[in-house]
């Protein structure tokens, strides 16, 4: 359950930051997509760091 929380939380938070950047720069979804990918990667990193032996 912790692993799923890290993955979803990272994607939501960084996707939201990307959406804010999109609004600021006037782009259409590019920042949100990049933010979601970065959030997913950060979530995987945290899962491996916390749950990996």
PDB file of N, CA and C in Angstrom:
ATOM      1  N   UNK A   1       0.822  -1.188   0.000  1.00  0.00           N
ATOM      2  CA  UNK A   1       0.000   0.000   0.000  1.00  0.00           C
ATOM      3  C   UNK A   1       0.874   1.263   0.000  1.00  0.00           C
ATOM      4  N   UNK A   2       1.988   1.194   0.690  1.00  0.00           N
ATOM      5  CA  UNK A   2       2.895   2.342   0.736  1.00  0.00           C
ATOM      6  C   UNK A   2       3.472   2.622  -0.644  1.00  0.00           C
ATOM      7  N   UNK A   3       3.805   1.571  -1.370  1.00  0.00           N
ATOM      8  CA  UNK A   3       4.401   1.737  -2.697  1.00  0.00           C
ATOM      9  C   UNK A   3       3.428   2.434  -3.641  1.00  0.00           C
ATOM     10  N   UNK A   4       2.171   2.029  -3.618  1.00  0.00           N
ATOM     11  CA  UNK A   4       1.157   2.652  -4.480  1.00  0.00           C
ATOM     12  C   UNK A   4       0.973   4.113  -4.094  1.00  0.00           C
ATOM     13  N   UNK A   5       0.993   4.383  -2.796  1.00  0.00           N
ATOM     14  CA  UNK A   5       0.838   5.766  -2.331  1.00  0.00           C
ATOM     15  C   UNK A   5       1.974   6.655  -2.826  1.00  0.00           C
ATOM     16  N   UNK A   6       3.190   6.147  -2.780  1.00  0.00           N
ATOM     17  CA  UNK A   6       4.330   6.918  -3.273  1.00  0.00           C
ATOM     18  C   UNK A   6       4.203   7.201  -4.768  1.00  0.00           C
ATOM     19  N   UNK A   7       3.819   6.193  -5.527  1.00  0.00           N
ATOM     20  CA  UNK A   7       3.719   6.354  -6.980  1.00  0.00           C
ATOM     21  C   UNK A   7       2.609   7.337  -7.360  1.00  0.00           C
ATOM     22  N   UNK A   8       1.432   7.146  -6.798  1.00  0.00           N
ATOM     23  CA  UNK A   8       0.312   8.029  -7.129  1.00  0.00           C
ATOM     24  C   UNK A   8       0.563   9.436  -6.601  1.00  0.00           C
ATOM     25  N   UNK A   9       1.066   9.527  -5.382  1.00  0.00           N
ATOM     26  CA  UNK A   9       1.345  10.844  -4.796  1.00  0.00           C
ATOM     27  C   UNK A   9       2.366  11.623  -5.600  1.00  0.00           C
ATOM     28  N   UNK A  10       3.427  10.967  -6.023  1.00  0.00           N
ATOM     29  CA  UNK A  10       4.447  11.641  -6.825  1.00  0.00           C
ATOM     30  C   UNK A  10       3.900  12.137  -8.145  1.00  0.00           C
ATOM     31  N   UNK A  11       3.100  11.305  -8.793  1.00  0.00           N
ATOM     32  CA  UNK A  11       2.532  11.702 -10.087  1.00  0.00           C
ATOM     33  C   UNK A  11       1.543  12.847  -9.932  1.00  0.00           C
ATOM     34  N   UNK A  12       0.748  12.825  -8.870  1.00  0.00           N
ATOM     35  CA  UNK A  12      -0.239  13.890  -8.658  1.00  0.00           C
ATOM     36  C   UNK A  12       0.453  15.211  -8.315  1.00  0.00           C
ATOM     37  N   UNK A  13       1.411  15.157  -7.408  1.00  0.00           N
ATOM     38  CA  UNK A  13       2.085  16.392  -6.980  1.00  0.00           C
ATOM     39  C   UNK A  13       2.882  17.000  -8.127  1.00  0.00           C
ATOM     40  N   UNK A  14       3.730  16.200  -8.775  1.00  0.00           N
ATOM     41  CA  UNK A  14       4.555  16.753  -9.855  1.00  0.00           C
ATOM     42  C   UNK A  14       3.746  17.047 -11.102  1.00  0.00           C
ATOM     43  N   UNK A  15       2.678  16.282 -11.324  1.00  0.00           N
ATOM     44  CA  UNK A  15       1.762  16.606 -12.418  1.00  0.00           C
ATOM     45  C   UNK A  15       1.066  17.938 -12.169  1.00  0.00           C
ATOM     46  N   UNK A  16       0.706  18.188 -10.912  1.00  0.00           N
ATOM     47  CA  UNK A  16       0.111  19.482 -10.551  1.00  0.00           C
ATOM     48  C   UNK A  16       1.075  20.637 -10.730  1.00  0.00           C
ATOM     49  N   UNK A  17       2.314  20.423 -10.364  1.00  0.00           N
ATOM     50  CA  UNK A  17       3.326  21.459 -10.571  1.00  0.00           C
ATOM     51  C   UNK A  17       3.513  21.706 -12.066  1.00  0.00           C
ATOM     52  N   UNK A  18       3.521  20.633 -12.842  1.00  0.00           N
ATOM     53  CA  UNK A  18       3.618  20.771 -14.296  1.00  0.00           C
ATOM     54  C   UNK A  18       2.430  21.514 -14.878  1.00  0.00           C
ATOM     55  N   UNK A  19       1.232  21.263 -14.340  1.00  0.00           N
ATOM     56  CA  UNK A  19       0.037  21.977 -14.789  1.00  0.00           C
ATOM     57  C   UNK A  19       0.169  23.469 -14.501  1.00  0.00           C
ATOM     58  N   UNK A  20       0.693  23.815 -13.320  1.00  0.00           N
ATOM     59  CA  UNK A  20       0.903  25.230 -12.990  1.00  0.00           C
ATOM     60  C   UNK A  20       1.895  25.873 -13.957  1.00  0.00           C
ATOM     61  N   UNK A  21       2.950  25.151 -14.307  1.00  0.00           N
ATOM     62  CA  UNK A  21       3.922  25.661 -15.272  1.00  0.00           C
ATOM     63  C   UNK A  21       3.253  25.844 -16.636  1.00  0.00           C
ATOM     64  N   UNK A  22       2.387  24.899 -17.010  1.00  0.00           N
ATOM     65  CA  UNK A  22       1.641  25.034 -18.266  1.00  0.00           C
ATOM     66  C   UNK A  22       0.796  26.300 -18.265  1.00  0.00           C
ATOM     67  N   UNK A  23       0.122  26.565 -17.175  1.00  0.00           N
ATOM     68  CA  UNK A  23      -0.716  27.754 -17.079  1.00  0.00           C
ATOM     69  C   UNK A  23       0.127  29.022 -17.166  1.00  0.00           C
ATOM     70  N   UNK A  24       1.288  28.990 -16.548  1.00  0.00           N
ATOM     71  CA  UNK A  24       2.161  30.156 -16.508  1.00  0.00           C
ATOM     72  C   UNK A  24       2.766  30.439 -17.882  1.00  0.00           C
ATOM     73  N   UNK A  25       3.183  29.372 -18.592  1.00  0.00           N
ATOM     74  CA  UNK A  25       3.842  29.542 -19.884  1.00  0.00           C
ATOM     75  C   UNK A  25       2.877  29.515 -21.066  1.00  0.00           C
ATOM     76  N   UNK A  26       1.654  29.077 -20.840  1.00  0.00           N
ATOM     77  CA  UNK A  26       0.679  29.018 -21.907  1.00  0.00           C
ATOM     78  C   UNK A  26       0.824  27.804 -22.805  1.00  0.00           C
ATOM     79  N   UNK A  27       1.491  26.772 -22.348  1.00  0.00           N
ATOM     80  CA  UNK A  27       1.607  25.543 -23.124  1.00  0.00           C
ATOM     81  C   UNK A  27       0.401  24.656 -22.829  1.00  0.00           C
ATOM     82  N   UNK A  28       0.233  23.611 -23.606  1.00  0.00           N
ATOM     83  CA  UNK A  28      -0.961  22.777 -23.458  1.00  0.00           C
ATOM     84  C   UNK A  28      -0.612  21.342 -23.091  1.00  0.00           C
ATOM     85  N   UNK A  29      -0.387  21.080 -21.820  1.00  0.00           N
ATOM     86  CA  UNK A  29      -0.185  19.729 -21.335  1.00  0.00           C
ATOM     87  C   UNK A  29       1.229  19.209 -21.345  1.00  0.00           C
ATOM     88  N   UNK A  30       2.145  19.947 -21.917  1.00  0.00           N
ATOM     89  CA  UNK A  30       3.534  19.466 -21.981  1.00  0.00           C
ATOM     90  C   UNK A  30       4.140  19.392 -20.578  1.00  0.00           C
ATOM     91  N   UNK A  31       3.980  20.450 -19.827  1.00  0.00           N
ATOM     92  CA  UNK A  31       4.532  20.486 -18.468  1.00  0.00           C
ATOM     93  C   UNK A  31       3.895  19.454 -17.558  1.00  0.00           C
ATOM     94  N   UNK A  32       2.589  19.270 -17.707  1.00  0.00           N
ATOM     95  CA  UNK A  32       1.902  18.282 -16.877  1.00  0.00           C
ATOM     96  C   UNK A  32       2.381  16.875 -17.203  1.00  0.00           C
ATOM     97  N   UNK A  33       2.598  16.574 -18.467  1.00  0.00           N
ATOM     98  CA  UNK A  33       3.111  15.261 -18.855  1.00  0.00           C
ATOM     99  C   UNK A  33       4.502  15.015 -18.328  1.00  0.00           C
ATOM    100  N   UNK A  34       5.346  16.022 -18.477  1.00  0.00           N
ATOM    101  CA  UNK A  34       6.716  15.899 -17.967  1.00  0.00           C
ATOM    102  C   UNK A  34       6.704  15.767 -16.451  1.00  0.00           C
ATOM    103  N   UNK A  35       5.858  16.556 -15.795  1.00  0.00           N
ATOM    104  CA  UNK A  35       5.749  16.477 -14.336  1.00  0.00           C
ATOM    105  C   UNK A  35       5.275  15.115 -13.866  1.00  0.00           C
ATOM    106  N   UNK A  36       4.305  14.522 -14.576  1.00  0.00           N
ATOM    107  CA  UNK A  36       3.814  13.199 -14.198  1.00  0.00           C
ATOM    108  C   UNK A  36       4.902  12.138 -14.360  1.00  0.00           C
ATOM    109  N   UNK A  37       5.689  12.244 -15.418  1.00  0.00           N
ATOM    110  CA  UNK A  37       6.788  11.288 -15.623  1.00  0.00           C
ATOM    111  C   UNK A  37       7.843  11.446 -14.527  1.00  0.00           C
ATOM    112  N   UNK A  38       8.192  12.682 -14.209  1.00  0.00           N
ATOM    113  CA  UNK A  38       9.165  12.923 -13.135  1.00  0.00           C
ATOM    114  C   UNK A  38       8.623  12.424 -11.799  1.00  0.00           C
ATOM    115  N   UNK A  39       7.342  12.669 -11.549  1.00  0.00           N
ATOM    116  CA  UNK A  39       6.724  12.182 -10.318  1.00  0.00           C
ATOM    117  C   UNK A  39       6.713  10.672 -10.231  1.00  0.00           C
ATOM    118  N   UNK A  40       6.436  10.007 -11.345  1.00  0.00           N
ATOM    119  CA  UNK A  40       6.479   8.552 -11.359  1.00  0.00           C
ATOM    120  C   UNK A  40       7.881   8.023 -11.079  1.00  0.00           C
ATOM    121  N   UNK A  41       8.868   8.660 -11.690  1.00  0.00           N
ATOM    122  CA  UNK A  41      10.259   8.244 -11.454  1.00  0.00           C
ATOM    123  C   UNK A  41      10.663   8.485 -10.005  1.00  0.00           C
ATOM    124  N   UNK A  42      10.249   9.612  -9.453  1.00  0.00           N
ATOM    125  CA  UNK A  42      10.553   9.897  -8.049  1.00  0.00           C
ATOM    126  C   UNK A  42       9.848   8.901  -7.135  1.00  0.00           C
ATOM    127  N   UNK A  43       8.618   8.522  -7.485  1.00  0.00           N
ATOM    128  CA  UNK A  43       7.897   7.519  -6.701  1.00  0.00           C
ATOM    129  C   UNK A  43       8.596   6.175  -6.722  1.00  0.00           C
ATOM    130  N   UNK A  44       9.073   5.767  -7.887  1.00  0.00           N
ATOM    131  CA  UNK A  44       9.814   4.500  -7.989  1.00  0.00           C
ATOM    132  C   UNK A  44      11.088   4.573  -7.159  1.00  0.00           C
ATOM    133  N   UNK A  45      11.779   5.699  -7.229  1.00  0.00           N
ATOM    134  CA  UNK A  45      13.003   5.871  -6.427  1.00  0.00           C
ATOM    135  C   UNK A  45      12.702   5.731  -4.936  1.00  0.00           C
ATOM    136  N   UNK A  46      11.635   6.379  -4.476  1.00  0.00           N
ATOM    137  CA  UNK A  46      11.294   6.295  -3.060  1.00  0.00           C
ATOM    138  C   UNK A  46      10.888   4.884  -2.646  1.00  0.00           C
ATOM    139  N   UNK A  47      10.175   4.188  -3.521  1.00  0.00           N
ATOM    140  CA  UNK A  47       9.794   2.800  -3.214  1.00  0.00           C
ATOM    141  C   UNK A  47      11.033   1.926  -3.093  1.00  0.00           C
ATOM    142  N   UNK A  48      11.938   2.067  -4.024  1.00  0.00           N
ATOM    143  CA  UNK A  48      13.165   1.250  -3.981  1.00  0.00           C
ATOM    144  C   UNK A  48      13.988   1.616  -2.756  1.00  0.00           C
ATOM    145  N   UNK A  49      14.065   2.880  -2.454  1.00  0.00           N
ATOM    146  CA  UNK A  49      14.872   3.329  -1.308  1.00  0.00           C
ATOM    147  C   UNK A  49      14.274   2.864   0.013  1.00  0.00           C
ATOM    148  N   UNK A  50      12.948   2.948   0.126  1.00  0.00           N
ATOM    149  CA  UNK A  50      12.322   2.592   1.395  1.00  0.00           C
ATOM    150  C   UNK A  50      12.082   1.089   1.540  1.00  0.00           C
ATOM    151  N   UNK A  51      11.607   0.450   0.484  1.00  0.00           N
ATOM    152  CA  UNK A  51      11.212  -0.941   0.602  1.00  0.00           C
ATOM    153  C   UNK A  51      12.265  -1.919   0.087  1.00  0.00           C
ATOM    154  N   UNK A  52      13.247  -1.427  -0.661  1.00  0.00           N
ATOM    155  CA  UNK A  52      14.291  -2.316  -1.166  1.00  0.00           C
ATOM    156  C   UNK A  52      15.249  -2.710  -0.061  1.00  0.00           C
ATOM    157  N   UNK A  53      15.744  -3.903  -0.156  1.00  0.00           N
ATOM    158  CA  UNK A  53      16.635  -4.368   0.924  1.00  0.00           C
ATOM    159  C   UNK A  53      18.046  -4.063   0.604  1.00  0.00           C
TER     160      UNK A  53
END
